[in-house]
Amino acid sequence: DVLKILTVTDEWTRQSLVLRVAASFTSEDVKDALQDIIRVRGAPAFIRSDNGPEFMARDLGIWLQGQNIGTRFIEPGKPWQNGFAESFHSRLREECLNLEVFYSVLHAQVVLESWRTLDNTGRPHSSLGYRTPDEWAREAGGRPAVPMCGQDTAHAAVIPTTG
């Protein structure tokens, strides 16, 4: 069986906001995850994502426009346009996915949520001055007043893993 993981990270704070596991994801699943985040954190200026069908769907685009959230799509075959997510996914794979055998979606969800919490609260990032993402978010006092490239944005992606 193949499992997929919907990841959403905040490029400014480097916080992992969502790691959801399923056999597949639809645009409605992405919308549900983003709604949960927006209720707690407010809306980002834009979402950066790949060109997967769950992100390119017309209904998601209309909903994002209604929320006043822009979109930035990564061009196929150009991972350097997506450095924050590539780095995050590399750590996730190396530190968690490659070390585990998942017996169910629920098992994978529990393991990934534990890893997400540890990454946000216990793992210093060199790009954040060796602070954890949660420490950086507290010290920064929120998002910058004027968004710049890579700031005031969330990144959403679906990465496949084998179950």
C-alpha atoms as a PDB file:
ATOM      1  CA  ASP A   1       0.000   0.000   0.000  1.00  0.00           C
ATOM      2  CA  VAL A   2       1.099   3.541  -0.692  1.00  0.00           C
ATOM      3  CA  LEU A   3       0.445   6.349   1.732  1.00  0.00           C
ATOM      4  CA  LYS A   4       0.627  10.030   0.953  1.00  0.00           C
ATOM      5  CA  ILE A   5       1.416  12.844   3.344  1.00  0.00           C
ATOM      6  CA  LEU A   6      -0.019  16.324   3.017  1.00  0.00           C
ATOM      7  CA  THR A   7       2.554  18.703   4.451  1.00  0.00           C
ATOM      8  CA  VAL A   8       2.009  22.374   5.144  1.00  0.00           C
ATOM      9  CA  THR A   9       4.898  24.463   6.444  1.00  0.00           C
ATOM     10  CA  ASP A  10       5.216  28.158   7.192  1.00  0.00           C
ATOM     11  CA  GLU A  11       8.189  29.438   5.204  1.00  0.00           C
ATOM     12  CA  TRP A  12       8.742  32.371   7.572  1.00  0.00           C
ATOM     13  CA  THR A  13       8.845  30.469  10.870  1.00  0.00           C
ATOM     14  CA  ARG A  14       9.750  27.038   9.402  1.00  0.00           C
ATOM     15  CA  GLN A  15       6.969  25.578  11.563  1.00  0.00           C
ATOM     16  CA  SER A  16       5.364  22.401  10.320  1.00  0.00           C
ATOM     17  CA  LEU A  17       1.672  23.245  10.428  1.00  0.00           C
ATOM     18  CA  VAL A  18       0.171  20.023   9.115  1.00  0.00           C
ATOM     19  CA  LEU A  19       1.244  16.463   8.395  1.00  0.00           C
ATOM     20  CA  ARG A  20      -1.829  14.497   7.308  1.00  0.00           C
ATOM     21  CA  VAL A  21      -1.717  10.922   6.073  1.00  0.00           C
ATOM     22  CA  ALA A  22      -4.085   9.251   3.593  1.00  0.00           C
ATOM     23  CA  ALA A  23      -4.098   6.937   0.605  1.00  0.00           C
ATOM     24  CA  SER A  24      -4.819   9.999  -1.566  1.00  0.00           C
ATOM     25  CA  PHE A  25      -5.772  13.646  -1.244  1.00  0.00           C
ATOM     26  CA  THR A  26      -8.336  15.795  -3.007  1.00  0.00           C
ATOM     27  CA  SER A  27      -8.617  19.546  -3.261  1.00  0.00           C
ATOM     28  CA  GLU A  28     -11.303  19.326  -0.545  1.00  0.00           C
ATOM     29  CA  ASP A  29      -8.769  17.668   1.785  1.00  0.00           C
ATOM     30  CA  VAL A  30      -6.296  20.488   1.106  1.00  0.00           C
ATOM     31  CA  LYS A  31      -9.007  23.075   1.721  1.00  0.00           C
ATOM     32  CA  ASP A  32      -9.966  21.399   5.026  1.00  0.00           C
ATOM     33  CA  ALA A  33      -6.342  21.449   6.205  1.00  0.00           C
ATOM     34  CA  LEU A  34      -5.930  25.098   5.218  1.00  0.00           C
ATOM     35  CA  GLN A  35      -9.190  26.069   6.948  1.00  0.00           C
ATOM     36  CA  ASP A  36      -7.927  24.482  10.178  1.00  0.00           C
ATOM     37  CA  ILE A  37      -4.698  26.480   9.922  1.00  0.00           C
ATOM     38  CA  ILE A  38      -6.448  29.753   9.061  1.00  0.00           C
ATOM     39  CA  ARG A  39      -8.758  29.421  12.087  1.00  0.00           C
ATOM     40  CA  VAL A  40      -5.710  29.343  14.374  1.00  0.00           C
ATOM     41  CA  ARG A  41      -3.106  31.482  12.562  1.00  0.00           C
ATOM     42  CA  GLY A  42      -4.947  33.621  10.063  1.00  0.00           C
ATOM     43  CA  ALA A  43      -4.507  33.458   6.298  1.00  0.00           C
ATOM     44  CA  PRO A  44      -1.112  33.639   4.603  1.00  0.00           C
ATOM     45  CA  ALA A  45      -0.535  36.030   1.715  1.00  0.00           C
ATOM     46  CA  PHE A  46      -0.075  33.070  -0.612  1.00  0.00           C
ATOM     47  CA  ILE A  47       0.365  29.318  -0.841  1.00  0.00           C
ATOM     48  CA  ARG A  48       3.340  27.838  -2.685  1.00  0.00           C
ATOM     49  CA  SER A  49       2.738  24.326  -4.014  1.00  0.00           C
ATOM     50  CA  ASP A  50       3.597  21.899  -6.759  1.00  0.00           C
ATOM     51  CA  ASN A  51       1.272  21.241  -9.679  1.00  0.00           C
ATOM     52  CA  GLY A  52      -0.483  18.199  -8.214  1.00  0.00           C
ATOM     53  CA  PRO A  53      -4.156  17.854  -9.122  1.00  0.00           C
ATOM     54  CA  GLU A  54      -5.210  18.468  -5.512  1.00  0.00           C
ATOM     55  CA  PHE A  55      -3.571  21.932  -5.696  1.00  0.00           C
ATOM     56  CA  MET A  56      -4.530  22.792  -9.283  1.00  0.00           C
ATOM     57  CA  ALA A  57      -8.234  22.017  -8.875  1.00  0.00           C
ATOM     58  CA  ARG A  58     -10.559  24.813  -9.893  1.00  0.00           C
ATOM     59  CA  ASP A  59     -12.631  24.629  -6.691  1.00  0.00           C
ATOM     60  CA  LEU A  60      -9.544  25.115  -4.505  1.00  0.00           C
ATOM     61  CA  GLY A  61      -8.422  28.063  -6.633  1.00  0.00           C
ATOM     62  CA  ILE A  62     -11.832  29.721  -6.299  1.00  0.00           C
ATOM     63  CA  TRP A  63     -11.840  29.131  -2.538  1.00  0.00           C
ATOM     64  CA  LEU A  64      -8.298  30.546  -2.148  1.00  0.00           C
ATOM     65  CA  GLN A  65      -9.274  33.608  -4.183  1.00  0.00           C
ATOM     66  CA  GLY A  66     -12.296  34.100  -1.915  1.00  0.00           C
ATOM     67  CA  GLN A  67      -9.952  33.972   1.095  1.00  0.00           C
ATOM     68  CA  ASN A  68      -7.670  36.546  -0.577  1.00  0.00           C
ATOM     69  CA  ILE A  69      -4.824  33.999  -0.658  1.00  0.00           C
ATOM     70  CA  GLY A  70      -2.589  34.010  -3.723  1.00  0.00           C
ATOM     71  CA  THR A  71      -0.992  30.971  -5.300  1.00  0.00           C
ATOM     72  CA  ARG A  72       2.573  30.313  -6.434  1.00  0.00           C
ATOM     73  CA  PHE A  73       3.094  27.064  -8.313  1.00  0.00           C
ATOM     74  CA  ILE A  74       6.465  25.371  -8.574  1.00  0.00           C
ATOM     75  CA  GLU A  75       7.430  24.643 -12.156  1.00  0.00           C
ATOM     76  CA  PRO A  76       7.775  20.902 -12.825  1.00  0.00           C
ATOM     77  CA  GLY A  77      11.373  19.732 -12.556  1.00  0.00           C
ATOM     78  CA  LYS A  78      12.578  22.879 -10.759  1.00  0.00           C
ATOM     79  CA  PRO A  79      12.991  21.913  -7.082  1.00  0.00           C
ATOM     80  CA  TRP A  80      15.199  24.962  -6.406  1.00  0.00           C
ATOM     81  CA  GLN A  81      12.020  27.067  -6.598  1.00  0.00           C
ATOM     82  CA  ASN A  82      10.923  25.152  -3.539  1.00  0.00           C
ATOM     83  CA  GLY A  83      13.979  25.140  -1.270  1.00  0.00           C
ATOM     84  CA  PHE A  84      12.122  25.375   2.066  1.00  0.00           C
ATOM     85  CA  ALA A  85       9.918  22.395   1.276  1.00  0.00           C
ATOM     86  CA  GLU A  86      12.732  20.353  -0.263  1.00  0.00           C
ATOM     87  CA  SER A  87      14.775  20.791   2.912  1.00  0.00           C
ATOM     88  CA  PHE A  88      11.797  19.948   5.131  1.00  0.00           C
ATOM     89  CA  HIS A  89      10.875  16.854   3.110  1.00  0.00           C
ATOM     90  CA  SER A  90      14.486  15.673   3.170  1.00  0.00           C
ATOM     91  CA  ARG A  91      14.576  15.918   6.990  1.00  0.00           C
ATOM     92  CA  LEU A  92      11.173  14.233   7.285  1.00  0.00           C
ATOM     93  CA  ARG A  93      12.278  11.348   5.098  1.00  0.00           C
ATOM     94  CA  GLU A  94      15.702  10.947   6.744  1.00  0.00           C
ATOM     95  CA  GLU A  95      14.634  11.384  10.366  1.00  0.00           C
ATOM     96  CA  CYS A  96      11.243   9.653  10.279  1.00  0.00           C
ATOM     97  CA  LEU A  97       9.988   7.947   7.132  1.00  0.00           C
ATOM     98  CA  ASN A  98      13.129   5.910   6.434  1.00  0.00           C
ATOM     99  CA  LEU A  99      13.151   4.635  10.028  1.00  0.00           C
ATOM    100  CA  GLU A 100       9.564   3.447  10.277  1.00  0.00           C
ATOM    101  CA  VAL A 101       7.293   0.752   8.912  1.00  0.00           C
ATOM    102  CA  PHE A 102       3.713   1.959   9.032  1.00  0.00           C
ATOM    103  CA  TYR A 103       1.005  -0.607   9.699  1.00  0.00           C
ATOM    104  CA  SER A 104      -1.949   1.675   9.035  1.00  0.00           C
ATOM    105  CA  VAL A 105      -2.900   5.238   8.208  1.00  0.00           C
ATOM    106  CA  LEU A 106      -3.599   5.833  11.901  1.00  0.00           C
ATOM    107  CA  HIS A 107      -0.189   4.472  12.919  1.00  0.00           C
ATOM    108  CA  ALA A 108       1.522   6.709  10.355  1.00  0.00           C
ATOM    109  CA  GLN A 109      -0.505   9.730  11.534  1.00  0.00           C
ATOM    110  CA  VAL A 110       0.495   9.204  15.181  1.00  0.00           C
ATOM    111  CA  VAL A 111       4.201   8.772  14.330  1.00  0.00           C
ATOM    112  CA  LEU A 112       4.228  11.789  12.006  1.00  0.00           C
ATOM    113  CA  GLU A 113       2.435  14.020  14.505  1.00  0.00           C
ATOM    114  CA  SER A 114       5.024  13.104  17.133  1.00  0.00           C
ATOM    115  CA  TRP A 115       7.838  13.923  14.699  1.00  0.00           C
ATOM    116  CA  ARG A 116       6.137  17.212  13.703  1.00  0.00           C
ATOM    117  CA  THR A 117       5.907  18.279  17.347  1.00  0.00           C
ATOM    118  CA  LEU A 118       9.555  17.418  17.951  1.00  0.00           C
ATOM    119  CA  ASP A 119      10.641  19.273  14.818  1.00  0.00           C
ATOM    120  CA  ASN A 120       8.754  22.415  15.870  1.00  0.00           C
ATOM    121  CA  THR A 121       9.738  22.395  19.551  1.00  0.00           C
ATOM    122  CA  GLY A 122      13.006  20.517  19.955  1.00  0.00           C
ATOM    123  CA  ARG A 123      15.056  20.793  16.790  1.00  0.00           C
ATOM    124  CA  PRO A 124      17.107  23.983  16.332  1.00  0.00           C
ATOM    125  CA  HIS A 125      17.430  25.192  12.730  1.00  0.00           C
ATOM    126  CA  SER A 126      20.605  26.876  11.543  1.00  0.00           C
ATOM    127  CA  SER A 127      18.497  29.141   9.286  1.00  0.00           C
ATOM    128  CA  LEU A 128      16.727  30.441  12.426  1.00  0.00           C
ATOM    129  CA  GLY A 129      19.894  31.237  14.374  1.00  0.00           C
ATOM    130  CA  TYR A 130      19.840  27.783  15.989  1.00  0.00           C
ATOM    131  CA  ARG A 131      16.399  28.330  17.488  1.00  0.00           C
ATOM    132  CA  THR A 132      13.492  25.969  17.096  1.00  0.00           C
ATOM    133  CA  PRO A 133      10.673  27.063  14.790  1.00  0.00           C
ATOM    134  CA  ASP A 134       8.397  27.622  17.798  1.00  0.00           C
ATOM    135  CA  GLU A 135      11.067  29.749  19.543  1.00  0.00           C
ATOM    136  CA  TRP A 136      11.591  31.756  16.348  1.00  0.00           C
ATOM    137  CA  ALA A 137       7.844  32.340  15.954  1.00  0.00           C
ATOM    138  CA  ARG A 138       7.534  33.574  19.563  1.00  0.00           C
ATOM    139  CA  GLU A 139      10.590  35.846  19.325  1.00  0.00           C
ATOM    140  CA  ALA A 140       9.670  37.215  15.896  1.00  0.00           C
ATOM    141  CA  GLY A 141       6.258  38.227  17.214  1.00  0.00           C
ATOM    142  CA  GLY A 142       4.392  37.040  14.125  1.00  0.00           C
ATOM    143  CA  ARG A 143       4.848  37.637  10.442  1.00  0.00           C
ATOM    144  CA  PRO A 144       6.856  40.509   8.961  1.00  0.00           C
ATOM    145  CA  ALA A 145       4.925  43.689   8.190  1.00  0.00           C
ATOM    146  CA  VAL A 146       5.867  43.545   4.499  1.00  0.00           C
ATOM    147  CA  PRO A 147       5.976  40.062   2.961  1.00  0.00           C
ATOM    148  CA  MET A 148       9.109  39.240   1.043  1.00  0.00           C
ATOM    149  CA  CYS A 149       9.939  36.151  -0.996  1.00  0.00           C
ATOM    150  CA  GLY A 150       9.599  33.158   1.285  1.00  0.00           C
ATOM    151  CA  GLN A 151       7.882  35.124   4.043  1.00  0.00           C
ATOM    152  CA  ASP A 152       4.250  35.357   5.128  1.00  0.00           C
ATOM    153  CA  THR A 153       3.455  32.250   3.185  1.00  0.00           C
ATOM    154  CA  ALA A 154       2.634  28.647   3.697  1.00  0.00           C
ATOM    155  CA  HIS A 155       3.914  25.825   1.549  1.00  0.00           C
ATOM    156  CA  ALA A 156       1.700  22.868   0.820  1.00  0.00           C
ATOM    157  CA  ALA A 157       2.830  19.610  -0.716  1.00  0.00           C
ATOM    158  CA  VAL A 158       1.910  15.977  -0.937  1.00  0.00           C
ATOM    159  CA  ILE A 159       4.803  13.549  -0.677  1.00  0.00           C
ATOM    160  CA  PRO A 160       4.372   9.827  -1.280  1.00  0.00           C
ATOM    161  CA  THR A 161       5.707   7.184   1.071  1.00  0.00           C
ATOM    162  CA  THR A 162       5.257   3.451   1.111  1.00  0.00           C
ATOM    163  CA  GLY A 163       3.211   1.874   3.868  1.00  0.00           C
END
